[in-house]
PDB file of N, CA and C in Angstrom:
ATOM      1  N   MET A   1     -15.740 -40.127  65.577  1.00  0.00           N
ATOM      2  CA  MET A   1     -15.387 -38.614  65.425  1.00  0.00           C
ATOM      3  C   MET A   1     -15.869 -38.104  63.810  1.00  0.00           C
ATOM      4  N   SER A   2     -16.597 -37.093  63.880  1.00  0.00           N
ATOM      5  CA  SER A   2     -16.727 -36.662  62.505  1.00  0.00           C
ATOM      6  C   SER A   2     -15.590 -35.646  62.117  1.00  0.00           C
ATOM      7  N   GLN A   3     -15.329 -35.646  60.843  1.00  0.00           N
ATOM      8  CA  GLN A   3     -14.290 -34.836  60.416  1.00  0.00           C
ATOM      9  C   GLN A   3     -14.716 -33.493  59.903  1.00  0.00           C
ATOM     10  N   VAL A   4     -14.271 -32.471  60.399  1.00  0.00           N
ATOM     11  CA  VAL A   4     -14.619 -31.251  60.078  1.00  0.00           C
ATOM     12  C   VAL A   4     -13.908 -30.911  58.680  1.00  0.00           C
ATOM     13  N   ASN A   5     -14.359 -29.995  57.797  1.00  0.00           N
ATOM     14  CA  ASN A   5     -13.629 -29.736  56.670  1.00  0.00           C
ATOM     15  C   ASN A   5     -12.152 -29.320  56.924  1.00  0.00           C
ATOM     16  N   ALA A   6     -11.194 -30.214  56.589  1.00  0.00           N
ATOM     17  CA  ALA A   6      -9.813 -30.057  56.775  1.00  0.00           C
ATOM     18  C   ALA A   6      -9.408 -28.959  55.783  1.00  0.00           C
ATOM     19  N   LYS A   7      -8.561 -27.994  56.215  1.00  0.00           N
ATOM     20  CA  LYS A   7      -7.970 -27.035  55.364  1.00  0.00           C
ATOM     21  C   LYS A   7      -6.532 -27.508  55.090  1.00  0.00           C
ATOM     22  N   ARG A   8      -6.089 -27.461  53.992  1.00  0.00           N
ATOM     23  CA  ARG A   8      -4.585 -27.466  53.672  1.00  0.00           C
ATOM     24  C   ARG A   8      -3.878 -26.282  53.699  1.00  0.00           C
ATOM     25  N   PRO A   9      -2.890 -26.179  54.375  1.00  0.00           N
ATOM     26  CA  PRO A   9      -2.209 -24.945  54.462  1.00  0.00           C
ATOM     27  C   PRO A   9      -1.649 -24.201  53.083  1.00  0.00           C
ATOM     28  N   LEU A  10      -1.227 -25.185  52.330  1.00  0.00           N
ATOM     29  CA  LEU A  10      -0.611 -24.699  51.078  1.00  0.00           C
ATOM     30  C   LEU A  10      -1.758 -24.296  50.146  1.00  0.00           C
ATOM     31  N   THR A  11      -2.786 -24.944  50.124  1.00  0.00           N
ATOM     32  CA  THR A  11      -4.081 -24.462  49.345  1.00  0.00           C
ATOM     33  C   THR A  11      -4.446 -23.077  49.770  1.00  0.00           C
ATOM     34  N   THR A  12      -4.585 -22.953  51.113  1.00  0.00           N
ATOM     35  CA  THR A  12      -5.063 -21.664  51.499  1.00  0.00           C
ATOM     36  C   THR A  12      -4.172 -20.587  51.115  1.00  0.00           C
ATOM     37  N   LEU A  13      -2.842 -20.816  51.267  1.00  0.00           N
ATOM     38  CA  LEU A  13      -1.707 -19.729  50.832  1.00  0.00           C
ATOM     39  C   LEU A  13      -1.982 -19.459  49.374  1.00  0.00           C
ATOM     40  N   GLN A  14      -2.052 -20.591  48.556  1.00  0.00           N
ATOM     41  CA  GLN A  14      -2.127 -20.259  47.242  1.00  0.00           C
ATOM     42  C   GLN A  14      -3.380 -19.456  46.852  1.00  0.00           C
ATOM     43  N   LYS A  15      -4.470 -19.727  47.433  1.00  0.00           N
ATOM     44  CA  LYS A  15      -5.543 -18.881  47.237  1.00  0.00           C
ATOM     45  C   LYS A  15      -5.588 -17.379  47.816  1.00  0.00           C
ATOM     46  N   SER A  16      -4.530 -17.232  48.523  1.00  0.00           N
ATOM     47  CA  SER A  16      -4.396 -15.918  49.209  1.00  0.00           C
ATOM     48  C   SER A  16      -3.371 -15.049  48.502  1.00  0.00           C
ATOM     49  N   THR A  17      -3.041 -15.359  47.440  1.00  0.00           N
ATOM     50  CA  THR A  17      -1.992 -14.521  46.676  1.00  0.00           C
ATOM     51  C   THR A  17      -2.659 -13.236  46.495  1.00  0.00           C
ATOM     52  N   LYS A  18      -1.869 -12.069  46.268  1.00  0.00           N
ATOM     53  CA  LYS A  18      -2.112 -10.734  46.199  1.00  0.00           C
ATOM     54  C   LYS A  18      -3.051 -10.163  47.345  1.00  0.00           C
ATOM     55  N   LYS A  19      -2.849 -10.898  48.492  1.00  0.00           N
ATOM     56  CA  LYS A  19      -3.193 -10.252  49.868  1.00  0.00           C
ATOM     57  C   LYS A  19      -2.167  -9.902  50.766  1.00  0.00           C
ATOM     58  N   LYS A  20      -2.233  -9.296  51.697  1.00  0.00           N
ATOM     59  CA  LYS A  20      -1.207  -8.837  52.742  1.00  0.00           C
ATOM     60  C   LYS A  20      -1.035  -9.969  53.668  1.00  0.00           C
ATOM     61  N   VAL A  21       0.296 -10.204  53.953  1.00  0.00           N
ATOM     62  CA  VAL A  21       0.739 -11.202  54.949  1.00  0.00           C
ATOM     63  C   VAL A  21       1.730 -10.627  55.753  1.00  0.00           C
ATOM     64  N   THR A  22       1.958 -11.360  56.925  1.00  0.00           N
ATOM     65  CA  THR A  22       3.110 -11.102  57.784  1.00  0.00           C
ATOM     66  C   THR A  22       3.912 -12.518  57.807  1.00  0.00           C
ATOM     67  N   VAL A  23       5.034 -12.496  57.635  1.00  0.00           N
ATOM     68  CA  VAL A  23       5.931 -13.737  57.433  1.00  0.00           C
ATOM     69  C   VAL A  23       6.971 -13.549  58.656  1.00  0.00           C
ATOM     70  N   ARG A  24       7.113 -14.519  59.599  1.00  0.00           N
ATOM     71  CA  ARG A  24       8.048 -14.541  60.597  1.00  0.00           C
ATOM     72  C   ARG A  24       9.164 -15.594  60.259  1.00  0.00           C
ATOM     73  N   LEU A  25      10.291 -15.245  60.238  1.00  0.00           N
ATOM     74  CA  LEU A  25      11.380 -16.217  59.900  1.00  0.00           C
ATOM     75  C   LEU A  25      11.818 -16.916  61.149  1.00  0.00           C
ATOM     76  N   LYS A  26      12.678 -17.943  60.999  1.00  0.00           N
ATOM     77  CA  LYS A  26      13.150 -18.756  62.294  1.00  0.00           C
ATOM     78  C   LYS A  26      14.219 -17.953  62.863  1.00  0.00           C
ATOM     79  N   ASN A  27      14.869 -16.959  62.386  1.00  0.00           N
ATOM     80  CA  ASN A  27      15.780 -15.964  63.003  1.00  0.00           C
ATOM     81  C   ASN A  27      15.219 -14.724  63.557  1.00  0.00           C
ATOM     82  N   GLU A  28      13.815 -14.799  63.697  1.00  0.00           N
ATOM     83  CA  GLU A  28      13.100 -13.790  64.329  1.00  0.00           C
ATOM     84  C   GLU A  28      12.907 -12.596  63.414  1.00  0.00           C
ATOM     85  N   VAL A  29      13.227 -12.527  62.258  1.00  0.00           N
ATOM     86  CA  VAL A  29      13.058 -11.375  61.219  1.00  0.00           C
ATOM     87  C   VAL A  29      11.607 -11.483  60.978  1.00  0.00           C
ATOM     88  N   GLU A  30      10.897 -10.351  60.742  1.00  0.00           N
ATOM     89  CA  GLU A  30       9.516 -10.352  60.386  1.00  0.00           C
ATOM     90  C   GLU A  30       9.399  -9.388  59.128  1.00  0.00           C
ATOM     91  N   TYR A  31       8.575  -9.862  58.100  1.00  0.00           N
ATOM     92  CA  TYR A  31       8.265  -8.976  56.927  1.00  0.00           C
ATOM     93  C   TYR A  31       6.794  -9.056  56.872  1.00  0.00           C
ATOM     94  N   LYS A  32       6.228  -7.765  56.408  1.00  0.00           N
ATOM     95  CA  LYS A  32       5.061  -7.503  56.018  1.00  0.00           C
ATOM     96  C   LYS A  32       4.838  -6.854  54.717  1.00  0.00           C
ATOM     97  N   GLY A  33       3.955  -7.556  53.974  1.00  0.00           N
ATOM     98  CA  GLY A  33       3.648  -7.026  52.601  1.00  0.00           C
ATOM     99  C   GLY A  33       2.731  -7.885  51.931  1.00  0.00           C
ATOM    100  N   LYS A  34       2.681  -7.596  50.537  1.00  0.00           N
ATOM    101  CA  LYS A  34       1.726  -8.311  49.679  1.00  0.00           C
ATOM    102  C   LYS A  34       2.352  -9.351  48.991  1.00  0.00           C
ATOM    103  N   MET A  35       1.740 -10.747  49.377  1.00  0.00           N
ATOM    104  CA  MET A  35       2.263 -12.089  48.884  1.00  0.00           C
ATOM    105  C   MET A  35       1.796 -12.173  47.438  1.00  0.00           C
ATOM    106  N   ASP A  36       2.835 -12.044  46.457  1.00  0.00           N
ATOM    107  CA  ASP A  36       2.584 -12.202  45.033  1.00  0.00           C
ATOM    108  C   ASP A  36       2.613 -13.663  44.513  1.00  0.00           C
ATOM    109  N   ASN A  37       3.363 -14.554  45.162  1.00  0.00           N
ATOM    110  CA  ASN A  37       3.391 -15.925  44.715  1.00  0.00           C
ATOM    111  C   ASN A  37       3.963 -16.742  45.835  1.00  0.00           C
ATOM    112  N   VAL A  38       3.530 -18.006  45.734  1.00  0.00           N
ATOM    113  CA  VAL A  38       4.109 -19.032  46.646  1.00  0.00           C
ATOM    114  C   VAL A  38       4.048 -20.294  46.007  1.00  0.00           C
ATOM    115  N   ASP A  39       5.041 -21.122  46.276  1.00  0.00           N
ATOM    116  CA  ASP A  39       5.164 -22.473  45.579  1.00  0.00           C
ATOM    117  C   ASP A  39       4.935 -23.582  46.636  1.00  0.00           C
ATOM    118  N   SER A  40       5.081 -24.847  46.141  1.00  0.00           N
ATOM    119  CA  SER A  40       4.847 -25.977  47.047  1.00  0.00           C
ATOM    120  C   SER A  40       5.732 -26.022  48.125  1.00  0.00           C
ATOM    121  N   TYR A  41       6.972 -25.451  48.016  1.00  0.00           N
ATOM    122  CA  TYR A  41       7.956 -25.362  49.111  1.00  0.00           C
ATOM    123  C   TYR A  41       7.776 -24.246  50.099  1.00  0.00           C
ATOM    124  N   MET A  42       6.773 -23.589  49.835  1.00  0.00           N
ATOM    125  CA  MET A  42       6.428 -22.373  50.608  1.00  0.00           C
ATOM    126  C   MET A  42       7.350 -21.182  50.490  1.00  0.00           C
ATOM    127  N   ASN A  43       8.133 -21.177  49.176  1.00  0.00           N
ATOM    128  CA  ASN A  43       8.918 -20.228  48.925  1.00  0.00           C
ATOM    129  C   ASN A  43       7.930 -18.998  48.526  1.00  0.00           C
ATOM    130  N   LEU A  44       8.393 -17.787  49.048  1.00  0.00           N
ATOM    131  CA  LEU A  44       7.388 -16.636  48.841  1.00  0.00           C
ATOM    132  C   LEU A  44       8.014 -15.536  48.102  1.00  0.00           C
ATOM    133  N   ILE A  45       7.323 -14.807  47.327  1.00  0.00           N
ATOM    134  CA  ILE A  45       7.632 -13.617  46.470  1.00  0.00           C
ATOM    135  C   ILE A  45       6.710 -12.562  47.085  1.00  0.00           C
ATOM    136  N   MET A  46       7.211 -11.525  47.802  1.00  0.00           N
ATOM    137  CA  MET A  46       6.484 -10.377  48.432  1.00  0.00           C
ATOM    138  C   MET A  46       6.924  -9.251  47.789  1.00  0.00           C
ATOM    139  N   THR A  47       5.830  -8.174  47.602  1.00  0.00           N
ATOM    140  CA  THR A  47       6.071  -6.938  47.111  1.00  0.00           C
ATOM    141  C   THR A  47       5.685  -5.850  48.164  1.00  0.00           C
ATOM    142  N   ASP A  48       6.177  -4.573  48.051  1.00  0.00           N
ATOM    143  CA  ASP A  48       5.844  -3.618  48.969  1.00  0.00           C
ATOM    144  C   ASP A  48       6.219  -4.123  50.568  1.00  0.00           C
ATOM    145  N   ALA A  49       7.264  -4.880  50.645  1.00  0.00           N
ATOM    146  CA  ALA A  49       7.579  -5.515  51.919  1.00  0.00           C
ATOM    147  C   ALA A  49       8.378  -4.597  52.883  1.00  0.00           C
ATOM    148  N   GLU A  50       7.955  -4.710  54.036  1.00  0.00           N
ATOM    149  CA  GLU A  50       8.583  -3.920  55.089  1.00  0.00           C
ATOM    150  C   GLU A  50       9.202  -4.938  56.219  1.00  0.00           C
ATOM    151  N   GLU A  51      10.444  -4.730  56.589  1.00  0.00           N
ATOM    152  CA  GLU A  51      11.036  -5.339  57.625  1.00  0.00           C
ATOM    153  C   GLU A  51      10.724  -4.858  59.053  1.00  0.00           C
ATOM    154  N   LEU A  52      10.198  -5.762  59.774  1.00  0.00           N
ATOM    155  CA  LEU A  52       9.823  -5.311  61.101  1.00  0.00           C
ATOM    156  C   LEU A  52      10.676  -5.792  62.232  1.00  0.00           C
ATOM    157  N   HIS A  53      11.132  -5.052  63.324  1.00  0.00           N
ATOM    158  CA  HIS A  53      11.548  -5.553  64.504  1.00  0.00           C
ATOM    159  C   HIS A  53      10.783  -4.903  65.822  1.00  0.00           C
ATOM    160  N   ASP A  54      10.313  -5.797  66.576  1.00  0.00           N
ATOM    161  CA  ASP A  54       9.639  -5.398  67.747  1.00  0.00           C
ATOM    162  C   ASP A  54       8.377  -4.650  67.295  1.00  0.00           C
ATOM    163  N   GLY A  55       7.781  -4.836  66.130  1.00  0.00           N
ATOM    164  CA  GLY A  55       6.628  -4.114  65.682  1.00  0.00           C
ATOM    165  C   GLY A  55       6.923  -2.884  65.043  1.00  0.00           C
ATOM    166  N   LYS A  56       8.120  -2.493  64.848  1.00  0.00           N
ATOM    167  CA  LYS A  56       8.591  -1.242  64.262  1.00  0.00           C
ATOM    168  C   LYS A  56       9.203  -1.370  62.840  1.00  0.00           C
ATOM    169  N   ILE A  57       8.835  -0.769  61.904  1.00  0.00           N
ATOM    170  CA  ILE A  57       9.391  -0.841  60.511  1.00  0.00           C
ATOM    171  C   ILE A  57      10.950  -0.310  60.698  1.00  0.00           C
ATOM    172  N   ILE A  58      11.834  -1.196  60.231  1.00  0.00           N
ATOM    173  CA  ILE A  58      13.186  -0.793  60.198  1.00  0.00           C
ATOM    174  C   ILE A  58      13.753  -0.724  58.731  1.00  0.00           C
ATOM    175  N   ALA A  59      12.976  -1.232  57.799  1.00  0.00           N
ATOM    176  CA  ALA A  59      13.450  -1.130  56.445  1.00  0.00           C
ATOM    177  C   ALA A  59      12.250  -1.291  55.463  1.00  0.00           C
ATOM    178  N   ASN A  60      12.354  -0.704  54.294  1.00  0.00           N
ATOM    179  CA  ASN A  60      11.326  -0.942  53.148  1.00  0.00           C
ATOM    180  C   ASN A  60      11.962  -1.636  51.929  1.00  0.00           C
ATOM    181  N   TYR A  61      11.299  -2.491  51.319  1.00  0.00           N
ATOM    182  CA  TYR A  61      12.037  -3.257  50.186  1.00  0.00           C
ATOM    183  C   TYR A  61      10.701  -3.200  49.019  1.00  0.00           C
ATOM    184  N   GLY A  62      11.113  -3.241  47.955  1.00  0.00           N
ATOM    185  CA  GLY A  62      10.227  -3.306  46.836  1.00  0.00           C
ATOM    186  C   GLY A  62       9.866  -4.713  46.683  1.00  0.00           C
ATOM    187  N   ARG A  63      10.767  -5.632  46.680  1.00  0.00           N
ATOM    188  CA  ARG A  63      10.469  -7.058  46.285  1.00  0.00           C
ATOM    189  C   ARG A  63      11.508  -7.861  47.281  1.00  0.00           C
ATOM    190  N   VAL A  64      10.717  -8.667  47.905  1.00  0.00           N
ATOM    191  CA  VAL A  64      11.556  -9.775  48.779  1.00  0.00           C
ATOM    192  C   VAL A  64      11.098 -11.181  48.424  1.00  0.00           C
ATOM    193  N   ILE A  65      12.253 -11.896  48.382  1.00  0.00           N
ATOM    194  CA  ILE A  65      12.090 -13.470  48.045  1.00  0.00           C
ATOM    195  C   ILE A  65      12.453 -14.160  49.282  1.00  0.00           C
ATOM    196  N   VAL A  66      11.502 -14.938  49.894  1.00  0.00           N
ATOM    197  CA  VAL A  66      11.811 -15.747  51.131  1.00  0.00           C
ATOM    198  C   VAL A  66      11.758 -17.152  50.789  1.00  0.00           C
ATOM    199  N   ARG A  67      12.859 -17.920  51.256  1.00  0.00           N
ATOM    200  CA  ARG A  67      12.926 -19.331  51.115  1.00  0.00           C
ATOM    201  C   ARG A  67      12.111 -19.944  52.091  1.00  0.00           C
ATOM    202  N   GLY A  68      11.406 -21.015  51.640  1.00  0.00           N
ATOM    203  CA  GLY A  68      10.375 -21.595  52.495  1.00  0.00           C
ATOM    204  C   GLY A  68      10.873 -22.155  53.710  1.00  0.00           C
ATOM    205  N   ASN A  69      12.167 -22.903  53.664  1.00  0.00           N
ATOM    206  CA  ASN A  69      12.604 -23.602  54.785  1.00  0.00           C
ATOM    207  C   ASN A  69      13.056 -22.576  56.028  1.00  0.00           C
ATOM    208  N   ASN A  70      13.048 -21.318  55.788  1.00  0.00           N
ATOM    209  CA  ASN A  70      13.382 -20.338  56.784  1.00  0.00           C
ATOM    210  C   ASN A  70      12.124 -19.788  57.347  1.00  0.00           C
ATOM    211  N   VAL A  71      10.935 -20.144  57.008  1.00  0.00           N
ATOM    212  CA  VAL A  71       9.690 -19.512  57.477  1.00  0.00           C
ATOM    213  C   VAL A  71       9.151 -20.311  58.866  1.00  0.00           C
ATOM    214  N   LEU A  72       8.983 -19.500  59.771  1.00  0.00           N
ATOM    215  CA  LEU A  72       8.370 -20.039  61.047  1.00  0.00           C
ATOM    216  C   LEU A  72       6.820 -20.038  60.844  1.00  0.00           C
ATOM    217  N   PHE A  73       6.302 -18.839  60.488  1.00  0.00           N
ATOM    218  CA  PHE A  73       4.933 -18.848  60.250  1.00  0.00           C
ATOM    219  C   PHE A  73       4.316 -17.855  59.329  1.00  0.00           C
ATOM    220  N   ILE A  74       3.352 -17.841  58.634  1.00  0.00           N
ATOM    221  CA  ILE A  74       2.746 -16.911  57.697  1.00  0.00           C
ATOM    222  C   ILE A  74       1.372 -16.575  58.236  1.00  0.00           C
ATOM    223  N   ARG A  75       1.069 -15.308  58.540  1.00  0.00           N
ATOM    224  CA  ARG A  75      -0.053 -14.825  58.937  1.00  0.00           C
ATOM    225  C   ARG A  75      -0.921 -14.003  57.978  1.00  0.00           C
ATOM    226  N   LEU A  76      -1.917 -14.528  57.495  1.00  0.00           N
ATOM    227  CA  LEU A  76      -2.848 -13.709  56.586  1.00  0.00           C
ATOM    228  C   LEU A  76      -3.534 -12.562  57.197  1.00  0.00           C
ATOM    229  N   GLU A  77      -3.264 -11.334  56.603  1.00  0.00           N
ATOM    230  CA  GLU A  77      -3.957 -10.206  57.310  1.00  0.00           C
ATOM    231  C   GLU A  77      -5.403 -10.095  56.870  1.00  0.00           C
ATOM    232  N   ASN A  78      -6.214  -9.769  57.661  1.00  0.00           N
ATOM    233  CA  ASN A  78      -7.602  -9.497  57.401  1.00  0.00           C
ATOM    234  C   ASN A  78      -7.906  -8.188  56.816  1.00  0.00           C
ATOM    235  N   ASP A  79      -8.656  -8.233  55.779  1.00  0.00           N
ATOM    236  CA  ASP A  79      -9.067  -6.831  55.048  1.00  0.00           C
ATOM    237  C   ASP A  79     -10.113  -6.318  55.810  1.00  0.00           C
ATOM    238  N   LEU A  80     -10.000  -5.140  56.580  1.00  0.00           N
ATOM    239  CA  LEU A  80     -10.967  -4.566  57.391  1.00  0.00           C
ATOM    240  C   LEU A  80     -11.504  -3.426  56.632  1.00  0.00           C
TER     241      LEU A  80
END
C-alpha cells in the first residue's frame, strides 16, 4: 500500500490560526469564532466567539479559552 501524504491534525490547526472555526465540546456546547492560538494540548484561544445551541446563537463573547481535553471536534470553516 502506498502512503498518501498524512496530515497531522495539530500541524493543520497550528497553520489555521486566525481563521474561523467551530468547536464542539463533549458536553454538546458549540462555539464559533476566530481561533487566535492553539497549543500542543489543543487548548484554544478564540476571539469574537459565539455560543451556539441547535445552530442558534445564544451568547456572544469577546474571548473564549477552551481546554483541549473538553474538545470533541474542531471544524475549520471554509472561506467562501
